[in-house]
Amino acid sequence: MLRGLILILFGGTLGASTMWGAFNFHLVWTEDRLLIVQRSAPSLKDTVADVRAWGRSEWLKHPHLTRSMMGAGHKKVIEKSLRNEAGDFVDHAFSNVSQGMTGKPVNSSANMLSATPGL
């Protein structure tokens, strides 16, 4: 009887502690580590977030998490993901520009040799 009561109290305490943590903190997976960030307002939204591949649109979809990250001093995580997205955009844009009508890179050595008379 006493053992059952102790198990019920332990389970209730564990459940209440878990819910308190879920309402008050975000678990955020970044490229470098796992962050525990205090929420700007209690809720269950975005309790766990993997932000390793997030870009501007994802950050805009999650304003509470963005606000909490910035308030906790993790602005660099957001800036890094935006820089990565910008770098991917620039790489993609340059690869599209460098491709000719045939879909081959314009500056490839094969194209340069075939365009050179007498070779």
Protein backbone atom coordinates (compact mmCIF):
# COMPACT_ATOMS: atom_id res chain seq x y z
CA MET A 1 0.00 0.00 0.00
CA LEU A 2 2.73 2.44 0.97
CA ARG A 3 4.80 1.41 -2.04
CA GLY A 4 1.86 2.16 -4.36
CA LEU A 5 1.38 5.57 -2.79
CA ILE A 6 5.08 6.38 -3.20
CA LEU A 7 4.94 5.35 -6.89
CA ILE A 8 1.87 7.53 -7.48
CA LEU A 9 3.53 10.52 -5.79
CA PHE A 10 6.76 9.95 -7.74
CA GLY A 11 4.88 9.64 -11.04
CA GLY A 12 2.81 12.73 -10.33
CA THR A 13 5.90 14.73 -9.40
CA LEU A 14 7.75 13.56 -12.50
CA GLY A 15 4.79 14.39 -14.75
CA ALA A 16 4.28 17.81 -13.18
CA SER A 17 8.00 18.61 -13.50
CA THR A 18 8.02 17.56 -17.14
CA MET A 19 4.99 19.73 -17.94
CA TRP A 20 6.49 22.68 -16.08
CA GLY A 21 9.68 22.32 -18.13
CA ALA A 22 7.74 21.98 -21.39
CA PHE A 23 5.73 25.13 -20.63
CA ASN A 24 8.78 27.19 -19.68
CA PHE A 25 11.65 26.07 -21.93
CA HIS A 26 12.48 25.31 -25.56
CA LEU A 27 14.89 22.49 -26.46
CA VAL A 28 16.68 23.74 -29.56
CA TRP A 29 19.02 21.58 -31.66
CA THR A 30 21.62 23.76 -33.41
CA GLU A 31 24.55 22.75 -35.60
CA ASP A 32 26.86 22.90 -32.59
CA ARG A 33 24.86 21.82 -29.54
CA LEU A 34 21.54 21.40 -27.76
CA LEU A 35 20.28 24.63 -26.20
CA ILE A 36 17.75 24.96 -23.39
CA VAL A 37 16.18 28.37 -23.88
CA GLN A 38 13.68 29.99 -21.52
CA ARG A 39 10.40 30.85 -23.25
CA SER A 40 9.28 34.45 -23.61
CA ALA A 41 5.69 33.35 -22.77
CA PRO A 42 4.43 30.02 -21.37
CA SER A 43 3.00 27.64 -23.98
CA LEU A 44 3.59 24.21 -25.48
CA LYS A 45 4.35 25.50 -28.97
CA ASP A 46 7.86 24.73 -30.28
CA THR A 47 8.88 22.77 -27.19
CA VAL A 48 11.49 20.90 -29.26
CA ALA A 49 12.94 22.44 -32.43
CA ASP A 50 15.69 21.27 -34.79
CA VAL A 51 16.91 24.54 -36.34
CA ARG A 52 19.95 23.13 -38.16
CA ALA A 53 18.38 23.53 -41.60
CA TRP A 54 16.13 26.51 -40.91
CA GLY A 55 16.07 29.56 -43.16
CA ARG A 56 14.26 32.88 -43.03
CA SER A 57 10.82 31.43 -43.74
CA GLU A 58 11.05 28.90 -40.88
CA TRP A 59 12.16 31.53 -38.38
CA LEU A 60 9.22 33.70 -39.46
CA LYS A 61 6.82 30.77 -38.91
CA HIS A 62 8.02 30.46 -35.29
CA PRO A 63 8.02 33.99 -33.80
CA HIS A 64 7.83 32.82 -30.16
CA LEU A 65 10.95 30.69 -30.58
CA THR A 66 12.73 33.48 -32.48
CA ARG A 67 11.90 35.97 -29.72
CA SER A 68 13.03 33.55 -27.01
CA MET A 69 16.31 32.81 -28.80
CA MET A 70 17.10 36.49 -29.24
CA GLY A 71 16.11 37.28 -25.64
CA ALA A 72 18.41 34.53 -24.36
CA GLY A 73 21.37 35.91 -26.30
CA HIS A 74 21.40 33.29 -29.09
CA LYS A 75 20.98 35.78 -31.93
CA LYS A 76 24.10 34.37 -33.61
CA VAL A 77 22.35 31.01 -34.17
CA ILE A 78 19.64 32.81 -36.16
CA GLU A 79 22.17 34.95 -38.02
CA LYS A 80 24.25 31.89 -38.91
CA SER A 81 21.26 30.08 -40.40
CA LEU A 82 20.33 33.19 -42.40
CA ARG A 83 23.91 33.49 -43.69
CA ASN A 84 23.85 29.80 -44.67
CA GLU A 85 20.58 30.34 -46.52
CA ALA A 86 21.97 33.42 -48.28
CA GLY A 87 25.12 31.51 -49.22
CA ASP A 88 23.03 28.65 -50.63
CA PHE A 89 20.95 31.17 -52.59
CA VAL A 90 24.04 32.85 -54.03
CA ASP A 91 25.64 29.49 -54.92
CA HIS A 92 22.43 28.39 -56.62
CA ALA A 93 22.09 31.69 -58.49
CA PHE A 94 25.69 31.55 -59.75
CA SER A 95 25.36 27.93 -60.82
CA ASN A 96 22.25 28.85 -62.82
CA VAL A 97 23.98 31.83 -64.43
CA SER A 98 27.08 29.82 -65.30
CA GLN A 99 25.10 27.18 -67.18
CA GLY A 100 24.60 27.58 -70.91
CA MET A 101 21.66 26.53 -73.06
CA THR A 102 22.90 22.91 -73.12
CA GLY A 103 22.90 22.71 -69.34
CA LYS A 104 26.69 22.39 -69.23
CA PRO A 105 28.84 24.92 -67.39
CA VAL A 106 29.95 27.69 -69.74
CA ASN A 107 33.53 27.81 -68.45
CA SER A 108 34.21 24.08 -68.44
CA SER A 109 37.44 23.03 -70.11
CA ALA A 110 35.55 20.77 -72.55
CA ASN A 111 33.45 23.69 -73.78
CA MET A 112 36.50 25.94 -74.04
CA LEU A 113 38.44 23.34 -76.07
CA SER A 114 35.53 22.61 -78.40
CA ALA A 115 35.02 26.33 -79.01
CA THR A 116 38.69 26.89 -79.85
CA PRO A 117 39.33 26.62 -83.64
CA GLY A 118 41.90 24.07 -84.71
CA LEU A 119 41.71 21.87 -81.61
